[in-house]
C-alpha atoms as a PDB file:
ATOM      1  CA  MET A   1     -36.944  33.314  -4.176  1.00  0.00           C
ATOM      2  CA  THR A   2     -36.312  30.977  -7.248  1.00  0.00           C
ATOM      3  CA  MET A   3     -35.009  27.536  -7.333  1.00  0.00           C
ATOM      4  CA  LEU A   4     -31.561  28.759  -8.569  1.00  0.00           C
ATOM      5  CA  ASN A   5     -31.211  30.655  -5.413  1.00  0.00           C
ATOM      6  CA  ARG A   6     -32.136  27.705  -3.190  1.00  0.00           C
ATOM      7  CA  THR A   7     -28.488  25.991  -3.156  1.00  0.00           C
ATOM      8  CA  SER A   8     -29.008  24.814   0.409  1.00  0.00           C
ATOM      9  CA  GLU A   9     -31.454  22.131  -0.751  1.00  0.00           C
ATOM     10  CA  ILE A  10     -29.313  20.811  -3.508  1.00  0.00           C
ATOM     11  CA  LYS A  11     -27.376  17.859  -2.605  1.00  0.00           C
ATOM     12  CA  PRO A  12     -24.153  16.770  -4.434  1.00  0.00           C
ATOM     13  CA  VAL A  13     -24.296  13.488  -6.315  1.00  0.00           C
ATOM     14  CA  THR A  14     -20.505  12.807  -6.418  1.00  0.00           C
ATOM     15  CA  SER A  15     -20.619  10.076  -3.718  1.00  0.00           C
ATOM     16  CA  TYR A  16     -22.974   8.197  -6.043  1.00  0.00           C
ATOM     17  CA  LEU A  17     -20.659   8.605  -8.957  1.00  0.00           C
ATOM     18  CA  GLN A  18     -17.465   7.398  -7.254  1.00  0.00           C
ATOM     19  CA  PRO A  19     -16.423   3.737  -7.957  1.00  0.00           C
ATOM     20  CA  ASP A  20     -16.449   1.488  -4.900  1.00  0.00           C
ATOM     21  CA  PRO A  21     -12.799   0.260  -4.565  1.00  0.00           C
ATOM     22  CA  VAL A  22     -13.901  -3.001  -3.013  1.00  0.00           C
ATOM     23  CA  ALA A  23     -16.395  -3.769  -5.793  1.00  0.00           C
ATOM     24  CA  ILE A  24     -13.773  -2.849  -8.335  1.00  0.00           C
ATOM     25  CA  MET A  25     -11.202  -5.348  -6.696  1.00  0.00           C
ATOM     26  CA  ARG A  26     -13.849  -8.105  -6.608  1.00  0.00           C
ATOM     27  CA  ARG A  27     -14.866  -7.736 -10.086  1.00  0.00           C
ATOM     28  CA  GLU A  28     -11.103  -7.819 -11.206  1.00  0.00           C
ATOM     29  CA  CYS A  29     -10.628 -11.106  -9.148  1.00  0.00           C
ATOM     30  CA  SER A  30     -13.573 -12.654 -10.675  1.00  0.00           C
ATOM     31  CA  ARG A  31     -12.313 -11.570 -14.115  1.00  0.00           C
ATOM     32  CA  LEU A  32      -8.729 -13.114 -13.208  1.00  0.00           C
ATOM     33  CA  ILE A  33     -10.157 -16.459 -12.177  1.00  0.00           C
ATOM     34  CA  HIS A  34     -12.536 -16.593 -15.190  1.00  0.00           C
ATOM     35  CA  ALA A  35      -9.680 -15.872 -17.852  1.00  0.00           C
ATOM     36  CA  ALA A  36      -7.661 -18.800 -15.727  1.00  0.00           C
ATOM     37  CA  VAL A  37     -10.699 -21.076 -16.188  1.00  0.00           C
ATOM     38  CA  VAL A  38     -11.291 -20.439 -19.789  1.00  0.00           C
ATOM     39  CA  SER A  39      -7.546 -20.375 -20.851  1.00  0.00           C
ATOM     40  CA  LYS A  40      -5.319 -23.406 -20.172  1.00  0.00           C
ATOM     41  CA  ARG A  41      -2.316 -21.129 -21.280  1.00  0.00           C
ATOM     42  CA  PHE A  42      -3.358 -18.136 -19.112  1.00  0.00           C
ATOM     43  CA  ARG A  43      -3.948 -20.498 -16.193  1.00  0.00           C
ATOM     44  CA  ALA A  44      -0.376 -21.903 -16.677  1.00  0.00           C
ATOM     45  CA  ARG A  45       1.164 -18.433 -16.554  1.00  0.00           C
ATOM     46  CA  LEU A  46      -1.079 -17.288 -13.721  1.00  0.00           C
ATOM     47  CA  LEU A  47       0.220 -20.272 -11.625  1.00  0.00           C
ATOM     48  CA  THR A  48       3.984 -19.930 -12.470  1.00  0.00           C
ATOM     49  CA  ASP A  49       4.138 -16.127 -12.452  1.00  0.00           C
ATOM     50  CA  PRO A  50       1.009 -14.316 -11.024  1.00  0.00           C
ATOM     51  CA  LEU A  51       2.386 -10.801 -11.481  1.00  0.00           C
ATOM     52  CA  GLN A  52       3.227 -11.220 -15.082  1.00  0.00           C
ATOM     53  CA  ALA A  53      -0.143 -12.731 -15.893  1.00  0.00           C
ATOM     54  CA  VAL A  54      -1.891  -9.875 -14.134  1.00  0.00           C
ATOM     55  CA  GLU A  55       0.190  -7.269 -16.046  1.00  0.00           C
ATOM     56  CA  ALA A  56       0.047  -8.996 -19.406  1.00  0.00           C
ATOM     57  CA  GLY A  57      -3.963  -9.244 -19.103  1.00  0.00           C
ATOM     58  CA  TYR A  58      -6.194 -11.416 -21.093  1.00  0.00           C
ATOM     59  CA  GLY A  59      -7.914 -11.329 -24.429  1.00  0.00           C
ATOM     60  CA  GLY A  60      -6.649  -7.693 -25.086  1.00  0.00           C
ATOM     61  CA  GLU A  61      -7.988  -6.492 -21.780  1.00  0.00           C
ATOM     62  CA  GLN A  62      -5.889  -5.226 -18.691  1.00  0.00           C
ATOM     63  CA  PHE A  63      -6.704  -6.240 -15.160  1.00  0.00           C
ATOM     64  CA  MET A  64      -7.165  -3.035 -13.092  1.00  0.00           C
ATOM     65  CA  PHE A  65      -5.525  -3.974  -9.803  1.00  0.00           C
ATOM     66  CA  THR A  66      -3.759  -1.444  -7.700  1.00  0.00           C
ATOM     67  CA  ARG A  67      -0.005  -1.760  -6.873  1.00  0.00           C
ATOM     68  CA  GLU A  68      -0.876  -2.901  -3.447  1.00  0.00           C
ATOM     69  CA  GLU A  69      -3.077  -5.499  -4.829  1.00  0.00           C
ATOM     70  CA  LYS A  70      -0.485  -6.671  -7.372  1.00  0.00           C
ATOM     71  CA  ALA A  71       2.211  -6.907  -4.799  1.00  0.00           C
ATOM     72  CA  ARG A  72      -0.096  -9.225  -2.795  1.00  0.00           C
ATOM     73  CA  ILE A  73      -0.989 -11.337  -5.849  1.00  0.00           C
ATOM     74  CA  ARG A  74       2.751 -11.734  -6.595  1.00  0.00           C
ATOM     75  CA  ALA A  75       3.194 -13.615  -3.399  1.00  0.00           C
ATOM     76  CA  ILE A  76       0.599 -16.253  -4.260  1.00  0.00           C
ATOM     77  CA  GLN A  77       2.370 -19.529  -4.689  1.00  0.00           C
ATOM     78  CA  ALA A  78      -0.221 -22.241  -5.887  1.00  0.00           C
ATOM     79  CA  ASP A  79      -0.121 -25.450  -7.859  1.00  0.00           C
ATOM     80  CA  THR A  80      -3.670 -25.679  -8.688  1.00  0.00           C
ATOM     81  CA  LEU A  81      -6.397 -22.973  -9.713  1.00  0.00           C
ATOM     82  CA  GLU A  82      -8.482 -23.960  -6.856  1.00  0.00           C
ATOM     83  CA  ASP A  83      -5.457 -23.215  -4.332  1.00  0.00           C
ATOM     84  CA  PHE A  84      -4.838 -19.925  -6.267  1.00  0.00           C
ATOM     85  CA  ALA A  85      -8.248 -18.776  -5.941  1.00  0.00           C
ATOM     86  CA  ALA A  86      -8.273 -19.641  -2.123  1.00  0.00           C
ATOM     87  CA  GLN A  87      -5.084 -17.548  -1.680  1.00  0.00           C
ATOM     88  CA  LEU A  88      -6.413 -14.840  -3.650  1.00  0.00           C
ATOM     89  CA  VAL A  89      -9.447 -14.442  -1.488  1.00  0.00           C
ATOM     90  CA  ARG A  90      -7.100 -14.405   1.568  1.00  0.00           C
ATOM     91  CA  VAL A  91      -4.656 -11.965   0.367  1.00  0.00           C
ATOM     92  CA  ILE A  92      -7.090  -9.503  -1.118  1.00  0.00           C
ATOM     93  CA  GLU A  93      -9.326  -9.619   1.908  1.00  0.00           C
ATOM     94  CA  ALA A  94      -6.363  -9.057   4.280  1.00  0.00           C
ATOM     95  CA  PRO A  95      -6.220  -5.340   5.640  1.00  0.00           C
ATOM     96  CA  ALA A  96      -3.598  -3.317   3.658  1.00  0.00           C
ATOM     97  CA  ALA A  97      -0.517  -2.017   5.557  1.00  0.00           C
ATOM     98  CA  VAL A  98      -2.013   1.581   5.695  1.00  0.00           C
ATOM     99  CA  GLU A  99      -5.246   0.041   7.007  1.00  0.00           C
ATOM    100  CA  LEU A 100      -3.175  -1.819   9.689  1.00  0.00           C
ATOM    101  CA  ALA A 101      -1.386   1.322  10.690  1.00  0.00           C
ATOM    102  CA  TYR A 102      -4.638   3.319  11.137  1.00  0.00           C
ATOM    103  CA  LEU A 103      -6.277   0.575  13.109  1.00  0.00           C
ATOM    104  CA  SER A 104      -3.249   0.238  15.409  1.00  0.00           C
ATOM    105  CA  ASN A 105      -3.158   3.787  16.281  1.00  0.00           C
ATOM    106  CA  PRO A 106      -5.884   4.866  18.768  1.00  0.00           C
END
């Protein structure tokens, strides 16, 4: 029997190649806050209209948030970047509606 015939011992590596959605979301949150720290103009836009700031991106780059995450970010109302960051952590780490529905069904 050759190695080509021994497929039972071959393990797929696809699980290693799939991106971790939590890691992606955290990276995007970090990028969002960093852009607001670096740019006074972007920070002002983020505090006045978070969704517009996220969708416009910064420095020619886009933020890769999901629709659900964007909806949560849109609900943030903050006067300072510190307050925005604190609310961002709370809304992003809160379980999504789909997760809540799944958890509530035994």
